[in-house]
Amino acid sequence: MTISFRIANVEDVDSIIELVNASYRPTNPHASWTNESKIVRGNRLNQQQATDLIQNSNNSLLLGFKHKQLVCCVLIEKTTDSAKIGLLTVAITHQQQGIGKQTLSAAEDYIAKNLGLNKINMNV
């Protein structure tokens, strides 16, 4: 399954919020093993946070689409000598299909080609 990636813009905020909140904190905590619903309540991301992430010049938020549907995202934050990867998200309905690996690979490629960095940090 091929996913097409592009950088997010402010027009994507609502879609990003929907993807991230539905994936990290679905209303059904048994929807996937990857969510936080059993330990944290409330939204994972709100309008202001998403907008701030996109507008921060040190950040690049990659969005992944399958047939024009947003199915994944990953945040790349440029630091002094490395990049930090976070907010790696795959829609619950698209998990276990290799999309997470594709998303991580797209982030690594973006970092190497666009930021010229070869050191990446990721906290889970």
C-alpha atoms as a PDB file:
ATOM      1  CA  MET A   1       0.000   0.000   0.000  1.00  0.00           C
ATOM      2  CA  THR A   2       1.496   3.270  -1.099  1.00  0.00           C
ATOM      3  CA  ILE A   3       1.046   6.329   1.056  1.00  0.00           C
ATOM      4  CA  SER A   4       1.655   9.810  -0.364  1.00  0.00           C
ATOM      5  CA  PHE A   5       3.188  12.349   2.004  1.00  0.00           C
ATOM      6  CA  ARG A   6       3.178  16.119   2.175  1.00  0.00           C
ATOM      7  CA  ILE A   7       3.830  18.853   4.728  1.00  0.00           C
ATOM      8  CA  ALA A   8       0.829  20.048   6.737  1.00  0.00           C
ATOM      9  CA  ASN A   9      -0.546  23.562   6.580  1.00  0.00           C
ATOM     10  CA  VAL A  10      -3.075  25.394   8.749  1.00  0.00           C
ATOM     11  CA  GLU A  11      -5.960  24.242   6.535  1.00  0.00           C
ATOM     12  CA  ASP A  12      -5.185  20.683   7.736  1.00  0.00           C
ATOM     13  CA  VAL A  13      -5.610  21.427  11.449  1.00  0.00           C
ATOM     14  CA  ASP A  14      -9.099  19.952  11.865  1.00  0.00           C
ATOM     15  CA  SER A  15      -8.158  16.738  10.048  1.00  0.00           C
ATOM     16  CA  ILE A  16      -4.968  16.394  12.102  1.00  0.00           C
ATOM     17  CA  ILE A  17      -6.858  16.854  15.366  1.00  0.00           C
ATOM     18  CA  GLU A  18      -9.420  14.250  14.345  1.00  0.00           C
ATOM     19  CA  LEU A  19      -6.728  11.724  13.345  1.00  0.00           C
ATOM     20  CA  VAL A  20      -4.555  12.212  16.421  1.00  0.00           C
ATOM     21  CA  ASN A  21      -7.373  12.231  18.985  1.00  0.00           C
ATOM     22  CA  ALA A  22      -9.144   9.232  17.431  1.00  0.00           C
ATOM     23  CA  SER A  23      -5.876   7.277  17.353  1.00  0.00           C
ATOM     24  CA  TYR A  24      -4.401   8.182  20.741  1.00  0.00           C
ATOM     25  CA  ARG A  25      -7.612   8.473  22.745  1.00  0.00           C
ATOM     26  CA  PRO A  26     -10.511   6.702  21.010  1.00  0.00           C
ATOM     27  CA  THR A  27     -13.865   6.531  22.766  1.00  0.00           C
ATOM     28  CA  ASN A  28     -13.519   2.737  22.771  1.00  0.00           C
ATOM     29  CA  PRO A  29     -10.264   1.988  24.623  1.00  0.00           C
ATOM     30  CA  HIS A  30     -10.295  -1.546  23.198  1.00  0.00           C
ATOM     31  CA  ALA A  31     -10.219  -0.253  19.607  1.00  0.00           C
ATOM     32  CA  SER A  32      -6.447  -0.830  19.435  1.00  0.00           C
ATOM     33  CA  TRP A  33      -3.543  -1.685  21.680  1.00  0.00           C
ATOM     34  CA  THR A  34      -1.731   1.540  20.804  1.00  0.00           C
ATOM     35  CA  ASN A  35      -4.008   4.056  22.467  1.00  0.00           C
ATOM     36  CA  GLU A  36      -3.821   5.938  25.783  1.00  0.00           C
ATOM     37  CA  SER A  37      -7.549   5.905  26.630  1.00  0.00           C
ATOM     38  CA  LYS A  38      -7.110   3.596  29.613  1.00  0.00           C
ATOM     39  CA  ILE A  39      -4.597   5.906  31.283  1.00  0.00           C
ATOM     40  CA  VAL A  40      -5.341   9.439  30.030  1.00  0.00           C
ATOM     41  CA  ARG A  41      -8.646  11.163  29.351  1.00  0.00           C
ATOM     42  CA  GLY A  42      -9.449  14.101  27.115  1.00  0.00           C
ATOM     43  CA  ASN A  43      -8.062  15.141  23.781  1.00  0.00           C
ATOM     44  CA  ARG A  44      -4.438  14.483  22.892  1.00  0.00           C
ATOM     45  CA  LEU A  45      -4.297  17.562  20.658  1.00  0.00           C
ATOM     46  CA  ASN A  46      -6.386  20.714  20.396  1.00  0.00           C
ATOM     47  CA  GLN A  47      -6.791  23.476  17.800  1.00  0.00           C
ATOM     48  CA  GLN A  48      -4.186  25.805  19.310  1.00  0.00           C
ATOM     49  CA  GLN A  49      -1.603  23.067  19.823  1.00  0.00           C
ATOM     50  CA  ALA A  50      -1.977  21.790  16.260  1.00  0.00           C
ATOM     51  CA  THR A  51      -1.758  25.306  14.833  1.00  0.00           C
ATOM     52  CA  ASP A  52       1.330  26.076  16.935  1.00  0.00           C
ATOM     53  CA  LEU A  53       3.042  22.869  15.762  1.00  0.00           C
ATOM     54  CA  ILE A  54       2.436  23.739  12.113  1.00  0.00           C
ATOM     55  CA  GLN A  55       3.449  27.393  12.424  1.00  0.00           C
ATOM     56  CA  ASN A  56       6.669  26.700  14.347  1.00  0.00           C
ATOM     57  CA  SER A  57       9.511  27.207  11.867  1.00  0.00           C
ATOM     58  CA  ASN A  58      11.534  24.410  13.524  1.00  0.00           C
ATOM     59  CA  ASN A  59       8.756  21.888  12.847  1.00  0.00           C
ATOM     60  CA  SER A  60       7.571  19.935   9.853  1.00  0.00           C
ATOM     61  CA  LEU A  61       4.414  17.868  10.229  1.00  0.00           C
ATOM     62  CA  LEU A  62       4.282  15.196   7.542  1.00  0.00           C
ATOM     63  CA  LEU A  63       0.829  13.970   6.596  1.00  0.00           C
ATOM     64  CA  GLY A  64       0.250  10.633   4.885  1.00  0.00           C
ATOM     65  CA  PHE A  65      -2.675   9.993   2.575  1.00  0.00           C
ATOM     66  CA  LYS A  66      -4.166   6.836   1.127  1.00  0.00           C
ATOM     67  CA  HIS A  67      -6.585   7.633  -1.704  1.00  0.00           C
ATOM     68  CA  LYS A  68      -6.843  11.265  -0.478  1.00  0.00           C
ATOM     69  CA  GLN A  69      -7.765  10.124   3.061  1.00  0.00           C
ATOM     70  CA  LEU A  70      -5.478  11.248   5.899  1.00  0.00           C
ATOM     71  CA  VAL A  71      -4.276   8.042   7.552  1.00  0.00           C
ATOM     72  CA  CYS A  72      -1.047   8.998   9.327  1.00  0.00           C
ATOM     73  CA  CYS A  73       1.213  11.804  10.457  1.00  0.00           C
ATOM     74  CA  VAL A  74       4.564  12.405  12.098  1.00  0.00           C
ATOM     75  CA  LEU A  75       6.066  15.530  13.623  1.00  0.00           C
ATOM     76  CA  ILE A  76       9.674  16.407  12.850  1.00  0.00           C
ATOM     77  CA  GLU A  77      11.321  19.016  15.046  1.00  0.00           C
ATOM     78  CA  LYS A  78      14.689  20.418  14.017  1.00  0.00           C
ATOM     79  CA  THR A  79      17.052  20.970  16.921  1.00  0.00           C
ATOM     80  CA  THR A  80      20.590  22.322  16.874  1.00  0.00           C
ATOM     81  CA  ASP A  81      22.332  19.215  15.539  1.00  0.00           C
ATOM     82  CA  SER A  82      19.586  16.635  15.178  1.00  0.00           C
ATOM     83  CA  ALA A  83      15.920  16.057  14.478  1.00  0.00           C
ATOM     84  CA  LYS A  84      13.335  14.846  16.932  1.00  0.00           C
ATOM     85  CA  ILE A  85      10.462  12.647  15.781  1.00  0.00           C
ATOM     86  CA  GLY A  86       7.150  12.673  17.636  1.00  0.00           C
ATOM     87  CA  LEU A  87       3.391  12.463  17.301  1.00  0.00           C
ATOM     88  CA  LEU A  88       3.768   9.377  15.108  1.00  0.00           C
ATOM     89  CA  THR A  89       0.152   8.469  14.397  1.00  0.00           C
ATOM     90  CA  VAL A  90      -1.611   5.887  12.253  1.00  0.00           C
ATOM     91  CA  ALA A  91      -5.406   5.763  12.080  1.00  0.00           C
ATOM     92  CA  ILE A  92      -6.745   2.789  14.039  1.00  0.00           C
ATOM     93  CA  THR A  93      -8.497   1.485  10.922  1.00  0.00           C
ATOM     94  CA  HIS A  94      -5.166   1.436   9.069  1.00  0.00           C
ATOM     95  CA  GLN A  95      -2.880  -0.064  11.708  1.00  0.00           C
ATOM     96  CA  GLN A  96      -1.095  -3.397  11.209  1.00  0.00           C
ATOM     97  CA  GLN A  97      -0.622  -2.648   7.494  1.00  0.00           C
ATOM     98  CA  GLY A  98       2.956  -1.330   7.489  1.00  0.00           C
ATOM     99  CA  ILE A  99       1.907   2.318   7.396  1.00  0.00           C
ATOM    100  CA  GLY A 100       3.808   3.149  10.578  1.00  0.00           C
ATOM    101  CA  LYS A 101       7.022   1.861   8.994  1.00  0.00           C
ATOM    102  CA  GLN A 102       6.349   3.882   5.837  1.00  0.00           C
ATOM    103  CA  THR A 103       5.680   6.978   7.930  1.00  0.00           C
ATOM    104  CA  LEU A 104       8.886   6.602   9.898  1.00  0.00           C
ATOM    105  CA  SER A 105      10.826   6.001   6.678  1.00  0.00           C
ATOM    106  CA  ALA A 106       9.277   9.112   5.093  1.00  0.00           C
ATOM    107  CA  ALA A 107      10.316  11.134   8.161  1.00  0.00           C
ATOM    108  CA  GLU A 108      13.874   9.822   7.967  1.00  0.00           C
ATOM    109  CA  ASP A 109      14.057  10.640   4.248  1.00  0.00           C
ATOM    110  CA  TYR A 110      12.665  14.129   4.842  1.00  0.00           C
ATOM    111  CA  ILE A 111      15.210  14.781   7.598  1.00  0.00           C
ATOM    112  CA  ALA A 112      18.138  13.677   5.445  1.00  0.00           C
ATOM    113  CA  LYS A 113      17.048  15.447   2.247  1.00  0.00           C
ATOM    114  CA  ASN A 114      15.491  18.656   3.606  1.00  0.00           C
ATOM    115  CA  LEU A 115      17.228  19.258   6.905  1.00  0.00           C
ATOM    116  CA  GLY A 116      20.630  17.762   6.082  1.00  0.00           C
ATOM    117  CA  LEU A 117      20.767  15.975   9.427  1.00  0.00           C
ATOM    118  CA  ASN A 118      21.881  12.441  10.153  1.00  0.00           C
ATOM    119  CA  LYS A 119      21.014  12.217  13.842  1.00  0.00           C
ATOM    120  CA  ILE A 120      17.431  11.522  14.896  1.00  0.00           C
ATOM    121  CA  ASN A 121      15.941  11.280  18.391  1.00  0.00           C
ATOM    122  CA  MET A 122      12.602   9.713  19.208  1.00  0.00           C
ATOM    123  CA  ASN A 123      10.970   9.428  22.606  1.00  0.00           C
ATOM    124  CA  VAL A 124       8.067   7.096  23.242  1.00  0.00           C
END
